[in-house]
N, C-alpha and C. Protein backbone atom coordinates (compact mmCIF):
# COMPACT_ATOMS: atom_id res chain seq x y z
N UNK A 1 0.79 -0.97 0.02
CA UNK A 1 0.34 -0.16 -0.12
C UNK A 1 0.94 1.19 0.48
N UNK A 2 0.45 2.50 -0.83
CA UNK A 2 1.10 3.80 -0.61
C UNK A 2 0.63 4.32 -0.03
N UNK A 3 1.24 5.30 0.67
CA UNK A 3 0.73 6.42 1.74
C UNK A 3 1.54 7.77 1.17
N UNK A 4 0.00 8.85 0.79
CA UNK A 4 0.92 9.77 0.13
C UNK A 4 0.85 11.17 1.31
N UNK A 5 2.00 12.05 1.31
CA UNK A 5 2.17 12.87 2.25
C UNK A 5 2.48 14.10 1.50
N UNK A 6 2.22 15.47 1.74
CA UNK A 6 2.71 16.40 0.73
C UNK A 6 3.24 17.82 1.68
N UNK A 7 4.19 18.20 1.35
CA UNK A 7 4.77 19.32 1.61
C UNK A 7 4.41 20.45 0.51
N UNK A 8 3.92 22.01 1.07
CA UNK A 8 3.61 22.50 0.21
C UNK A 8 5.25 23.73 0.47
N UNK A 9 5.97 23.64 -1.06
CA UNK A 9 7.36 25.09 -0.80
C UNK A 9 6.63 26.45 -1.20
N UNK A 10 7.67 27.45 -1.52
CA UNK A 10 6.91 28.80 -2.41
C UNK A 10 6.79 28.84 -3.53
N UNK A 11 7.61 27.33 -4.29
CA UNK A 11 7.55 27.63 -5.64
C UNK A 11 6.23 27.48 -6.34
N UNK A 12 6.05 28.60 -6.73
CA UNK A 12 4.65 27.87 -7.96
C UNK A 12 4.81 27.57 -9.43
N UNK A 13 4.99 26.10 -9.65
CA UNK A 13 4.64 25.24 -10.30
C UNK A 13 3.41 25.59 -11.97
N UNK A 14 3.78 26.22 -13.10
CA UNK A 14 2.28 26.26 -14.06
C UNK A 14 2.69 25.13 -14.78
N UNK A 15 2.83 24.03 -14.25
CA UNK A 15 2.77 22.55 -15.33
C UNK A 15 1.76 22.66 -16.48
N UNK A 16 1.82 21.65 -18.07
CA UNK A 16 0.39 21.92 -18.43
C UNK A 16 -0.38 21.51 -17.86
N UNK A 17 -2.19 21.06 -18.16
CA UNK A 17 -2.82 20.84 -17.32
C UNK A 17 -2.66 19.33 -17.55
N UNK A 18 -2.98 18.44 -16.89
CA UNK A 18 -3.34 17.16 -16.93
C UNK A 18 -3.57 16.83 -18.39
N UNK A 19 -4.91 17.25 -18.35
CA UNK A 19 -5.00 16.35 -20.29
C UNK A 19 -4.86 16.93 -21.39
N UNK A 20 -3.32 17.54 -21.36
CA UNK A 20 -2.56 17.87 -22.09
C UNK A 20 -1.25 17.44 -21.88
N UNK A 21 -1.39 16.16 -21.40
CA UNK A 21 -0.09 15.77 -21.37
C UNK A 21 0.32 15.07 -22.11
N UNK A 22 1.66 14.82 -22.41
CA UNK A 22 1.59 13.90 -23.54
C UNK A 22 1.58 11.89 -23.34
N UNK A 23 0.29 11.08 -24.09
CA UNK A 23 0.86 10.09 -24.07
C UNK A 23 1.83 9.25 -23.22
N UNK A 24 3.01 9.56 -23.88
CA UNK A 24 4.09 8.76 -23.13
C UNK A 24 4.37 9.70 -21.83
N UNK A 25 4.48 10.41 -21.56
CA UNK A 25 4.41 10.89 -20.32
C UNK A 25 3.84 10.63 -19.07
N UNK A 26 2.40 10.12 -20.09
CA UNK A 26 1.44 9.75 -19.31
C UNK A 26 1.54 8.55 -18.73
N UNK A 27 1.94 7.54 -19.01
CA UNK A 27 2.20 6.32 -19.35
C UNK A 27 3.29 6.51 -17.86
N UNK A 28 4.37 7.10 -17.70
CA UNK A 28 5.43 7.59 -16.63
C UNK A 28 4.73 7.67 -15.46
N UNK A 29 4.13 8.71 -15.56
CA UNK A 29 3.32 9.24 -14.45
C UNK A 29 2.54 8.32 -13.89
N UNK A 30 1.93 7.32 -14.64
CA UNK A 30 1.18 6.13 -14.10
C UNK A 30 1.91 5.09 -13.79
N UNK A 31 3.18 4.60 -13.90
CA UNK A 31 3.80 4.00 -13.78
C UNK A 31 4.66 4.32 -12.20
N UNK A 32 4.65 5.71 -11.76
CA UNK A 32 4.83 6.05 -10.64
C UNK A 32 4.04 6.23 -10.16
N UNK A 33 2.79 5.72 -10.55
CA UNK A 33 0.95 6.10 -9.76
C UNK A 33 1.08 7.62 -9.34
N UNK A 34 1.57 7.73 -10.42
CA UNK A 34 1.06 9.91 -10.10
C UNK A 34 -0.23 9.91 -10.67
N UNK A 35 -1.24 10.12 -9.84
CA UNK A 35 -2.90 10.40 -10.55
C UNK A 35 -3.11 11.55 -10.72
N UNK A 36 -3.98 11.92 -11.22
CA UNK A 36 -4.81 13.38 -11.41
C UNK A 36 -4.93 13.93 -10.59
N UNK A 37 -5.12 13.71 -9.25
CA UNK A 37 -5.62 13.80 -7.67
C UNK A 37 -3.81 14.25 -7.39
N UNK A 38 -3.10 13.68 -7.06
CA UNK A 38 -1.47 13.78 -6.97
C UNK A 38 -0.98 15.02 -7.70
N UNK A 39 -1.31 15.01 -8.96
CA UNK A 39 -0.58 16.03 -9.77
C UNK A 39 -1.45 17.11 -9.83
N UNK A 40 -2.61 17.46 -9.84
CA UNK A 40 -3.30 18.54 -9.03
C UNK A 40 -2.13 19.42 -7.80
N UNK A 41 -2.09 18.09 -7.12
CA UNK A 41 -1.34 18.89 -6.11
C UNK A 41 0.37 19.38 -6.22
N UNK A 42 0.92 18.52 -7.20
CA UNK A 42 2.26 18.72 -7.90
C UNK A 42 2.42 20.23 -8.32
N UNK A 43 1.21 20.70 -9.11
CA UNK A 43 1.32 22.05 -9.95
C UNK A 43 0.79 23.21 -9.09
N UNK A 44 0.35 22.92 -7.76
CA UNK A 44 0.60 24.38 -7.09
C UNK A 44 1.90 24.58 -6.46
N UNK A 45 2.89 23.31 -6.59
CA UNK A 45 3.90 23.91 -6.27
C UNK A 45 4.46 22.41 -5.32
N UNK A 46 3.75 21.29 -4.14
CA UNK A 46 4.02 21.01 -3.22
C UNK A 46 4.94 19.88 -3.94
N UNK A 47 5.18 19.48 -3.06
CA UNK A 47 6.26 18.02 -2.82
C UNK A 47 5.48 17.11 -2.34
N UNK A 48 5.52 16.01 -3.10
CA UNK A 48 4.49 15.03 -2.82
C UNK A 48 5.48 13.68 -2.46
N UNK A 49 5.89 13.09 -1.40
CA UNK A 49 6.58 11.63 -0.89
C UNK A 49 5.07 10.75 -0.74
N UNK A 50 5.69 9.55 -0.93
CA UNK A 50 4.97 8.50 -1.28
C UNK A 50 6.15 7.05 0.07
N UNK A 51 5.26 7.01 0.80
CA UNK A 51 5.73 5.39 1.51
C UNK A 51 5.36 4.36 0.64
N UNK A 52 7.16 3.75 0.66
CA UNK A 52 6.33 2.42 -0.63
C UNK A 52 7.00 1.27 0.27
N UNK A 53 6.25 -0.09 -0.50
CA UNK A 53 6.67 -1.11 0.17
C UNK A 53 8.13 -1.72 -0.53
N UNK A 54 9.13 -2.55 0.62
CA UNK A 54 10.19 -1.89 0.21
C UNK A 54 10.21 -3.45 -0.49
N UNK A 55 11.51 -3.65 -1.41
CA UNK A 55 11.32 -5.01 -2.49
C UNK A 55 11.83 -6.04 -1.36
N UNK A 56 11.02 -7.10 -2.02
CA UNK A 56 11.58 -8.75 -1.01
C UNK A 56 13.10 -8.90 -1.09
N UNK A 57 13.98 -8.02 -2.24
CA UNK A 57 15.42 -8.83 -2.04
C UNK A 57 16.29 -7.62 -1.09
N UNK A 58 15.19 -6.70 -0.52
CA UNK A 58 16.10 -5.34 0.11
C UNK A 58 15.70 -5.23 1.71
N UNK A 59 16.52 -4.32 2.83
CA UNK A 59 15.97 -4.43 3.45
C UNK A 59 15.66 -3.03 4.23
N UNK A 60 14.92 -2.54 5.04
CA UNK A 60 14.93 -0.43 5.10
C UNK A 60 13.94 -0.31 4.63
N UNK A 61 13.92 1.58 4.72
CA UNK A 61 13.02 2.03 4.29
C UNK A 61 12.95 2.55 2.76
N UNK A 62 11.39 2.03 2.18
CA UNK A 62 11.73 2.57 0.65
C UNK A 62 10.61 4.09 1.10
N UNK A 63 11.05 5.02 0.44
CA UNK A 63 10.16 6.11 -0.13
C UNK A 63 10.38 6.95 -1.30
N UNK A 64 9.55 7.52 -1.94
CA UNK A 64 10.21 8.53 -3.55
C UNK A 64 9.15 9.68 -3.00
N UNK A 65 9.77 10.58 -4.03
CA UNK A 65 9.04 11.84 -3.58
C UNK A 65 9.48 12.42 -4.76
N UNK A 66 8.30 13.38 -5.17
CA UNK A 66 8.07 14.14 -6.36
C UNK A 66 8.29 15.65 -6.31
N UNK A 67 8.39 16.71 -7.37
CA UNK A 67 8.28 17.67 -7.21
C UNK A 67 8.51 18.16 -9.06
N UNK A 68 7.66 19.26 -9.19
CA UNK A 68 7.22 19.49 -10.83
C UNK A 68 8.72 20.56 -10.54
N UNK A 69 9.61 21.07 -11.45
CA UNK A 69 10.53 22.00 -11.63
C UNK A 69 10.48 22.66 -13.34
N UNK A 70 10.33 23.91 -13.05
CA UNK A 70 10.83 25.09 -14.40
C UNK A 70 11.61 24.66 -14.87
N UNK A 71 12.04 23.96 -15.78
CA UNK A 71 13.28 24.05 -16.22
C UNK A 71 13.06 23.16 -17.94
N UNK A 72 14.47 22.85 -18.63
CA UNK A 72 14.42 21.94 -19.68
C UNK A 72 14.88 21.02 -18.93
N UNK A 73 14.69 20.21 -20.42
CA UNK A 73 15.17 18.93 -19.98
C UNK A 73 16.89 18.74 -19.57
N UNK A 74 17.96 19.35 -20.26
CA UNK A 74 18.81 19.47 -20.33
C UNK A 74 19.21 20.32 -18.69
N UNK A 75 18.66 21.21 -18.61
CA UNK A 75 18.94 21.72 -17.26
C UNK A 75 18.73 20.76 -16.19
N UNK A 76 17.85 20.36 -16.24
CA UNK A 76 17.52 19.43 -14.88
C UNK A 76 18.38 17.99 -14.76
N UNK A 77 18.48 17.39 -16.12
CA UNK A 77 19.42 16.83 -16.43
C UNK A 77 21.30 16.99 -15.36
N UNK A 78 21.55 18.22 -16.21
CA UNK A 78 22.34 19.15 -14.79
C UNK A 78 22.60 18.49 -13.85
N UNK A 79 21.26 19.37 -13.03
CA UNK A 79 21.05 19.26 -11.93
C UNK A 79 21.36 17.96 -10.85
N UNK A 80 20.62 16.89 -11.81
CA UNK A 80 20.46 15.35 -11.05
C UNK A 80 21.42 14.70 -11.33
N UNK A 81 22.81 15.00 -11.79
CA UNK A 81 23.93 14.91 -11.96
C UNK A 81 24.97 15.58 -11.46
N UNK A 82 24.32 16.45 -10.43
CA UNK A 82 25.94 16.94 -9.41
C UNK A 82 26.72 16.05 -8.87
N UNK A 83 27.83 16.57 -8.30
CA UNK A 83 27.94 15.41 -7.37
C UNK A 83 28.79 16.69 -6.60
N UNK A 84 29.84 17.05 -6.72
CA UNK A 84 30.63 18.34 -6.64
C UNK A 84 29.78 19.85 -5.38
N UNK A 85 28.56 19.94 -6.17
CA UNK A 85 28.01 21.19 -6.09
C UNK A 85 27.31 20.74 -5.22
N UNK A 86 26.70 19.37 -4.60
CA UNK A 86 25.95 18.90 -3.71
C UNK A 86 25.85 19.73 -2.32
N UNK A 87 26.96 19.82 -1.76
CA UNK A 87 26.76 19.87 -0.03
C UNK A 87 26.92 21.55 -0.06
N UNK A 88 27.09 22.23 -1.52
CA UNK A 88 26.07 23.80 -1.60
C UNK A 88 25.10 24.15 -1.21
N UNK A 89 24.07 22.85 -1.20
CA UNK A 89 22.70 23.06 -1.26
C UNK A 89 21.54 21.77 -1.01
N UNK A 90 22.27 20.85 -0.65
CA UNK A 90 21.96 19.53 -0.81
C UNK A 90 21.40 19.35 0.63
N UNK A 91 19.90 19.88 1.33
CA UNK A 91 20.17 19.19 3.03
C UNK A 91 21.18 17.93 3.47
N UNK A 92 21.63 18.02 4.24
CA UNK A 92 22.64 16.67 5.21
C UNK A 92 24.07 16.59 4.25
N UNK A 93 23.90 17.12 3.39
CA UNK A 93 24.62 16.50 2.47
C UNK A 93 26.23 17.65 2.86
N UNK A 94 27.46 16.54 3.20
CA UNK A 94 28.48 17.00 4.19
C UNK A 94 29.75 17.11 2.96
N UNK A 95 29.26 15.99 2.17
CA UNK A 95 30.96 16.01 1.18
C UNK A 95 30.46 15.09 -0.08
N UNK A 96 30.91 15.44 -1.51
CA UNK A 96 30.54 14.22 -2.11
C UNK A 96 31.47 14.94 -3.35
N UNK A 97 32.28 13.43 -3.23
CA UNK A 97 33.24 14.06 -4.65
C UNK A 97 33.52 12.36 -5.00
N UNK A 98 34.18 12.37 -6.56
CA UNK A 98 34.05 10.68 -7.26
C UNK A 98 35.48 10.71 -6.77
N UNK A 99 35.84 9.42 -6.56
CA UNK A 99 36.99 8.26 -6.04
C UNK A 99 37.46 7.58 -6.89
N UNK A 100 38.42 6.85 -6.74
CA UNK A 100 39.03 5.83 -7.88
C UNK A 100 38.09 4.64 -7.71
N UNK A 101 37.69 3.73 -8.55
CA UNK A 101 37.08 2.83 -8.28
C UNK A 101 37.38 1.74 -8.25
N UNK A 102 37.58 0.26 -7.96
CA UNK A 102 38.21 -0.92 -7.92
C UNK A 102 37.90 -1.61 -8.58
N UNK A 103 37.18 -1.28 -10.09
CA UNK A 103 37.04 -2.03 -10.91
C UNK A 103 36.97 -1.19 -12.25
N UNK A 104 37.24 -1.63 -13.45
CA UNK A 104 36.92 -0.89 -14.52
C UNK A 104 35.37 -0.43 -14.56
N UNK A 105 35.68 0.70 -15.28
CA UNK A 105 33.99 1.44 -15.31
C UNK A 105 33.78 1.58 -16.87
N UNK A 106 32.44 1.67 -17.45
CA UNK A 106 31.34 2.41 -18.06
C UNK A 106 31.52 3.62 -18.64
N UNK A 107 31.52 4.30 -20.16
CA UNK A 107 31.74 5.47 -19.49
C UNK A 107 30.25 6.50 -19.28
N UNK A 108 29.46 5.32 -18.73
CA UNK A 108 28.28 6.07 -17.51
C UNK A 108 28.14 5.61 -16.14
N UNK A 109 29.46 5.19 -15.78
CA UNK A 109 29.51 5.23 -14.17
C UNK A 109 30.84 5.59 -13.98
N UNK A 110 30.59 5.58 -12.51
CA UNK A 110 31.87 6.38 -11.91
C UNK A 110 31.25 6.39 -10.10
N UNK A 111 32.26 6.03 -9.08
CA UNK A 111 32.25 5.97 -7.99
C UNK A 111 31.99 7.03 -7.63
N UNK A 112 31.22 7.69 -6.19
CA UNK A 112 31.64 8.76 -5.34
C UNK A 112 31.71 8.48 -4.09
N UNK A 113 32.12 9.09 -3.42
CA UNK A 113 32.25 9.22 -1.70
C UNK A 113 31.00 9.89 -1.32
N UNK A 114 30.39 9.74 -0.49
CA UNK A 114 28.73 10.76 0.12
C UNK A 114 29.23 10.68 1.25
N UNK A 115 28.88 11.84 2.63
CA UNK A 115 28.88 12.28 3.74
C UNK A 115 27.63 12.93 4.19
N UNK A 116 26.75 12.31 4.91
CA UNK A 116 25.70 13.03 5.28
C UNK A 116 25.79 13.35 6.50
N UNK A 117 25.21 14.07 7.39
CA UNK A 117 24.86 14.14 8.32
C UNK A 117 23.01 14.77 8.97
N UNK A 118 22.51 13.22 9.50
CA UNK A 118 21.08 13.42 9.80
C UNK A 118 20.67 14.11 10.93
N UNK A 119 19.58 14.57 11.26
CA UNK A 119 18.82 15.55 12.62
C UNK A 119 17.92 14.98 12.34
N UNK A 120 17.09 14.98 13.78
CA UNK A 120 15.82 14.40 13.80
C UNK A 120 15.64 14.42 15.24
N UNK A 121 15.13 15.49 15.52
CA UNK A 121 14.91 15.46 17.48
C UNK A 121 16.34 15.53 17.92
N UNK A 122 15.91 14.45 18.62
CA UNK A 122 17.99 14.35 19.46
C UNK A 122 18.47 13.49 18.68
N UNK A 123 17.91 13.07 17.88
CA UNK A 123 19.02 12.43 17.26
C UNK A 123 19.25 12.72 15.70
N UNK A 124 21.29 12.33 15.76
CA UNK A 124 22.05 12.73 14.72
C UNK A 124 22.75 11.92 14.38
N UNK A 125 22.70 11.90 13.29
CA UNK A 125 23.30 10.33 12.43
C UNK A 125 24.99 10.78 11.23
N UNK A 126 25.77 10.69 11.79
CA UNK A 126 26.38 10.81 9.99
C UNK A 126 26.65 9.20 9.06
N UNK A 127 26.45 9.55 7.96
CA UNK A 127 26.85 8.56 7.38
C UNK A 127 27.75 8.49 6.01
N UNK A 128 29.10 7.94 6.13
CA UNK A 128 29.44 7.93 5.17
C UNK A 128 28.93 6.36 4.44
N UNK A 129 29.12 6.56 2.84
CA UNK A 129 28.84 5.45 1.92
C UNK A 129 30.03 5.82 0.69
N UNK A 130 30.63 5.06 0.04
CA UNK A 130 30.67 4.69 -1.12
C UNK A 130 29.96 4.18 -2.04
N UNK A 131 29.42 5.59 -3.08
CA UNK A 131 28.52 4.66 -4.20
C UNK A 131 28.48 4.21 -5.68
N UNK A 132 28.41 3.52 -6.26
CA UNK A 132 28.47 3.28 -7.96
C UNK A 132 27.15 3.73 -8.42
N UNK A 133 27.37 5.24 -9.68
CA UNK A 133 26.79 5.68 -10.02
C UNK A 133 26.35 5.35 -11.09
N UNK A 134 25.67 4.94 -11.70
CA UNK A 134 25.44 5.12 -13.36
C UNK A 134 24.22 5.94 -13.50
N UNK A 135 24.29 6.61 -15.03
CA UNK A 135 23.61 7.31 -15.47
C UNK A 135 23.21 7.09 -16.97
N UNK A 136 21.66 7.61 -17.17
CA UNK A 136 21.25 7.24 -18.50
C UNK A 136 20.62 8.53 -18.95
N UNK A 137 21.29 8.74 -19.82
CA UNK A 137 21.33 10.11 -20.44
C UNK A 137 19.74 11.31 -20.11
N UNK A 138 19.73 12.13 -20.02
CA UNK A 138 18.28 13.36 -20.40
C UNK A 138 17.31 12.43 -19.37
N UNK A 139 17.75 10.88 -18.13
CA UNK A 139 16.46 10.49 -17.98
C UNK A 139 16.85 9.60 -16.41
N UNK A 140 17.95 9.51 -16.18
CA UNK A 140 18.24 8.83 -14.85
C UNK A 140 19.35 8.88 -14.67
N UNK A 141 19.66 9.29 -13.37
CA UNK A 141 20.98 8.43 -12.02
C UNK A 141 20.43 7.98 -11.46
N UNK A 142 21.61 6.60 -11.28
CA UNK A 142 20.60 5.99 -9.87
C UNK A 142 22.09 5.40 -9.63
N UNK A 143 22.20 5.18 -8.11
CA UNK A 143 23.00 4.45 -7.77
C UNK A 143 22.92 3.61 -6.52
N UNK A 144 24.19 2.61 -6.28
CA UNK A 144 23.85 1.56 -5.38
C UNK A 144 25.23 1.85 -4.26
N UNK A 145 24.84 1.20 -3.06
CA UNK A 145 26.10 1.29 -2.46
C UNK A 145 27.25 0.34 -2.16
N UNK A 146 28.31 0.62 -2.21
CA UNK A 146 29.35 -0.55 -2.39
C UNK A 146 29.96 -0.27 -0.82
N UNK A 147 30.04 0.19 -0.45
CA UNK A 147 31.02 0.44 0.89
C UNK A 147 30.34 0.98 1.96
N UNK A 148 30.13 1.07 3.54
CA UNK A 148 30.14 2.53 4.32
C UNK A 148 28.46 1.76 5.31
N UNK A 149 28.46 3.20 5.72
CA UNK A 149 27.62 3.26 7.20
C UNK A 149 25.99 2.86 7.20
N UNK A 150 25.83 1.90 5.62
CA UNK A 150 24.61 1.61 5.39
C UNK A 150 24.64 0.20 4.94
N UNK A 151 23.40 -0.71 5.55
CA UNK A 151 23.50 -1.69 4.88
C UNK A 151 22.66 -2.18 2.98
N UNK A 152 21.78 -1.24 3.31
CA UNK A 152 21.37 -0.92 2.03
C UNK A 152 21.57 0.55 1.79
N UNK A 153 21.75 0.57 0.54
CA UNK A 153 21.10 2.46 0.13
C UNK A 153 21.40 2.69 -1.51
N UNK A 154 19.82 2.51 -1.72
CA UNK A 154 19.73 2.36 -3.62
C UNK A 154 18.78 3.44 -3.84
N UNK A 155 19.31 3.71 -5.08
CA UNK A 155 18.29 4.55 -5.63
C UNK A 155 18.74 5.83 -6.77
N UNK A 156 17.50 6.67 -7.13
CA UNK A 156 17.70 7.10 -8.63
C UNK A 156 16.57 8.99 -8.22
N UNK A 157 17.58 9.65 -9.26
CA UNK A 157 17.18 10.77 -9.52
C UNK A 157 16.07 10.23 -11.04
N UNK A 158 14.84 10.59 -11.47
CA UNK A 158 14.37 10.55 -12.64
C UNK A 158 13.36 11.77 -12.98
N UNK A 159 13.96 11.83 -14.40
CA UNK A 159 13.09 12.69 -15.05
C UNK A 159 11.78 12.36 -15.84
N UNK A 160 10.70 12.97 -15.71
CA UNK A 160 9.78 12.68 -16.66
C UNK A 160 9.29 13.86 -16.96
N UNK A 161 9.68 14.02 -18.73
CA UNK A 161 8.83 15.43 -18.81
C UNK A 161 7.80 15.33 -19.42
N UNK A 162 7.48 16.48 -19.36
CA UNK A 162 5.64 16.87 -19.03
C UNK A 162 5.80 18.45 -20.15
N UNK A 163 6.90 18.97 -20.55
CA UNK A 163 7.00 19.59 -22.02
C UNK A 163 8.24 20.49 -21.59
N UNK A 164 8.24 20.97 -22.73
CA UNK A 164 9.41 21.66 -23.21
C UNK A 164 10.02 22.62 -21.76
N UNK A 165 9.26 22.87 -21.03
CA UNK A 165 9.68 23.81 -20.27
C UNK A 165 9.82 23.49 -18.50
N UNK A 166 8.86 22.34 -18.38
CA UNK A 166 8.58 21.75 -16.98
C UNK A 166 8.92 20.20 -17.43
N UNK A 167 9.63 19.48 -16.08
CA UNK A 167 9.76 18.13 -15.94
C UNK A 167 9.54 17.96 -14.52
N UNK A 168 9.13 16.66 -14.62
CA UNK A 168 8.43 16.32 -13.05
C UNK A 168 9.99 15.28 -12.41
N UNK A 169 9.93 15.67 -10.69
CA UNK A 169 11.37 15.74 -10.81
C UNK A 169 11.06 13.64 -10.21
N UNK A 170 11.67 12.68 -9.96
CA UNK A 170 11.40 11.67 -8.91
C UNK A 170 12.80 11.16 -8.33
N UNK A 171 12.32 11.37 -7.18
CA UNK A 171 13.38 10.94 -6.43
C UNK A 171 12.99 9.56 -5.68
N UNK A 172 13.89 8.46 -5.60
CA UNK A 172 13.43 7.30 -5.23
C UNK A 172 14.97 6.64 -4.34
N UNK A 173 14.60 6.14 -3.34
CA UNK A 173 15.53 5.29 -2.37
C UNK A 173 15.03 4.59 -1.26
N UNK A 174 15.62 3.41 -1.32
CA UNK A 174 15.46 2.09 -0.02
C UNK A 174 17.41 3.16 0.77
N UNK A 175 16.69 3.11 1.74
CA UNK A 175 17.65 2.97 3.28
C UNK A 175 17.88 1.93 3.93
N UNK A 176 18.95 1.50 4.46
CA UNK A 176 18.84 0.56 5.76
C UNK A 176 20.24 1.27 6.67
N UNK A 177 20.27 1.98 7.54
CA UNK A 177 21.35 2.41 7.99
C UNK A 177 21.81 1.39 9.23
N UNK A 178 23.40 1.51 8.74
CA UNK A 178 23.77 0.14 10.31
C UNK A 178 23.91 0.09 11.39
N UNK A 179 23.21 -0.70 12.65
CA UNK A 179 23.10 -0.08 13.79
C UNK A 179 22.05 0.97 14.10
N UNK A 180 21.18 0.96 13.62
CA UNK A 180 20.24 1.54 13.25
C UNK A 180 18.70 1.31 13.62
N UNK A 181 17.87 1.61 14.43
CA UNK A 181 16.57 1.06 14.31
C UNK A 181 15.57 1.46 12.98
N UNK A 182 14.37 0.22 12.71
CA UNK A 182 13.64 0.90 11.68
C UNK A 182 12.97 1.89 11.50
N UNK A 183 12.51 2.30 12.46
CA UNK A 183 11.47 3.32 13.21
C UNK A 183 12.72 4.98 13.04
N UNK A 184 14.09 4.33 13.62
CA UNK A 184 15.23 5.87 13.63
C UNK A 184 15.21 5.91 11.90
N UNK A 185 15.77 4.86 11.19
CA UNK A 185 16.30 5.10 9.60
C UNK A 185 14.70 5.41 9.24
N UNK A 186 13.44 5.33 9.09
CA UNK A 186 12.21 6.24 8.58
C UNK A 186 12.33 7.26 8.75
N UNK A 187 12.55 7.66 10.08
CA UNK A 187 12.78 9.21 10.44
C UNK A 187 13.37 9.69 9.65
N UNK A 188 14.44 9.33 10.35
CA UNK A 188 15.88 10.00 9.49
C UNK A 188 15.51 10.63 7.32
N UNK A 189 15.22 9.15 7.07
CA UNK A 189 14.87 9.21 5.60
C UNK A 189 13.39 9.81 4.85
N UNK A 190 12.67 9.84 5.71
CA UNK A 190 11.14 9.93 5.37
C UNK A 190 11.08 11.93 5.89
N UNK A 191 12.01 11.90 6.91
CA UNK A 191 11.57 13.84 7.38
C UNK A 191 12.42 14.70 6.29
N UNK A 192 13.35 13.82 5.81
CA UNK A 192 14.31 14.69 4.98
C UNK A 192 13.87 14.81 3.53
N UNK A 193 13.27 14.13 2.73
CA UNK A 193 12.98 13.72 1.37
C UNK A 193 12.04 14.73 0.66
N UNK A 194 11.12 15.50 1.41
CA UNK A 194 10.80 16.82 0.77
C UNK A 194 11.71 18.13 0.51
N UNK A 195 12.71 18.43 1.73
CA UNK A 195 13.33 19.18 2.00
C UNK A 195 14.42 18.73 0.51
N UNK A 196 15.08 17.80 0.49
CA UNK A 196 16.09 16.88 -0.54
C UNK A 196 15.54 17.58 -2.26
N UNK A 197 13.99 16.92 -2.16
CA UNK A 197 13.35 17.45 -3.36
C UNK A 197 13.33 19.10 -3.76
N UNK A 198 12.65 19.74 -2.45
CA UNK A 198 12.84 20.97 -2.89
C UNK A 198 14.05 21.90 -2.88
N UNK A 199 15.19 20.94 -2.09
CA UNK A 199 16.45 21.54 -3.05
C UNK A 199 17.53 21.49 -4.05
N UNK A 200 17.08 20.29 -4.40
CA UNK A 200 17.48 20.31 -5.77
C UNK A 200 16.25 20.76 -6.88
N UNK A 201 15.49 21.12 -6.93
CA UNK A 201 14.31 21.63 -7.54
C UNK A 201 14.46 22.96 -7.48
N UNK A 202 15.16 23.97 -6.61
CA UNK A 202 15.67 25.24 -6.27
C UNK A 202 17.06 25.41 -6.83
N UNK A 203 17.79 24.37 -7.09
CA UNK A 203 19.29 24.24 -7.26
C UNK A 203 19.25 24.48 -9.26
N UNK A 204 18.66 23.56 -9.47
CA UNK A 204 18.06 23.80 -11.42
C UNK A 204 18.00 24.71 -11.44
N UNK A 205 15.91 25.71 -10.56
CA UNK A 205 16.13 26.94 -11.08
C UNK A 205 16.96 27.57 -10.95
N UNK A 206 17.68 27.46 -10.73
CA UNK A 206 18.40 28.74 -10.21
C UNK A 206 18.62 29.39 -9.02
N UNK A 207 17.80 29.00 -8.02
CA UNK A 207 17.22 29.74 -6.93
C UNK A 207 18.76 29.70 -6.01
N UNK A 208 19.14 30.57 -4.77
CA UNK A 208 20.23 30.75 -4.35
C UNK A 208 19.89 30.36 -2.98
N UNK A 209 19.49 29.06 -2.34
CA UNK A 209 19.22 28.58 -1.37
C UNK A 209 20.26 28.21 -0.35
N UNK A 210 21.51 28.58 -0.32
CA UNK A 210 23.04 28.98 0.81
C UNK A 210 23.23 30.31 0.41
């Protein structure tokens, strides 16, 4: 069962009406369980969060966040493939840089070091992860944990094109933090998600958030 939550930011989107979305994009929206009702919330500037079932082969918390960004596909793609600039605008991100891989990589792969600090009430947790990142030009940037302070960390940023000027950002992640109870991991992950999507949207649109 999917659970929907939403947080409204100050950004007001003017994406195309539901009936004007192209058929191919509509199929992608359906695959992400974006209904007309959810889309209506998104076009008001909301960030919508879904709590999703964790795949059977993984452990941890599975969540997805959605937000409409006013930018071209090319500009959006440049945003979601950021690494070195992430600490400038992304909540909790302390460091992100490319590192040397321990195996040969193809042209659409890189390894990164990520250090994040999460806070939720009295709880504070610093997480260090080495990730294997792959990208599919103009569409998707995905990652998977190689080593670090999580048992599981997989996820992706995806782009669903609404028209030439507006894209739907999809942030999807499954996280299981080493040595942390599920309820804490759920709190750390879920509470950070709206701010993560909003920060990426602001960065892509050129808003100085820090």
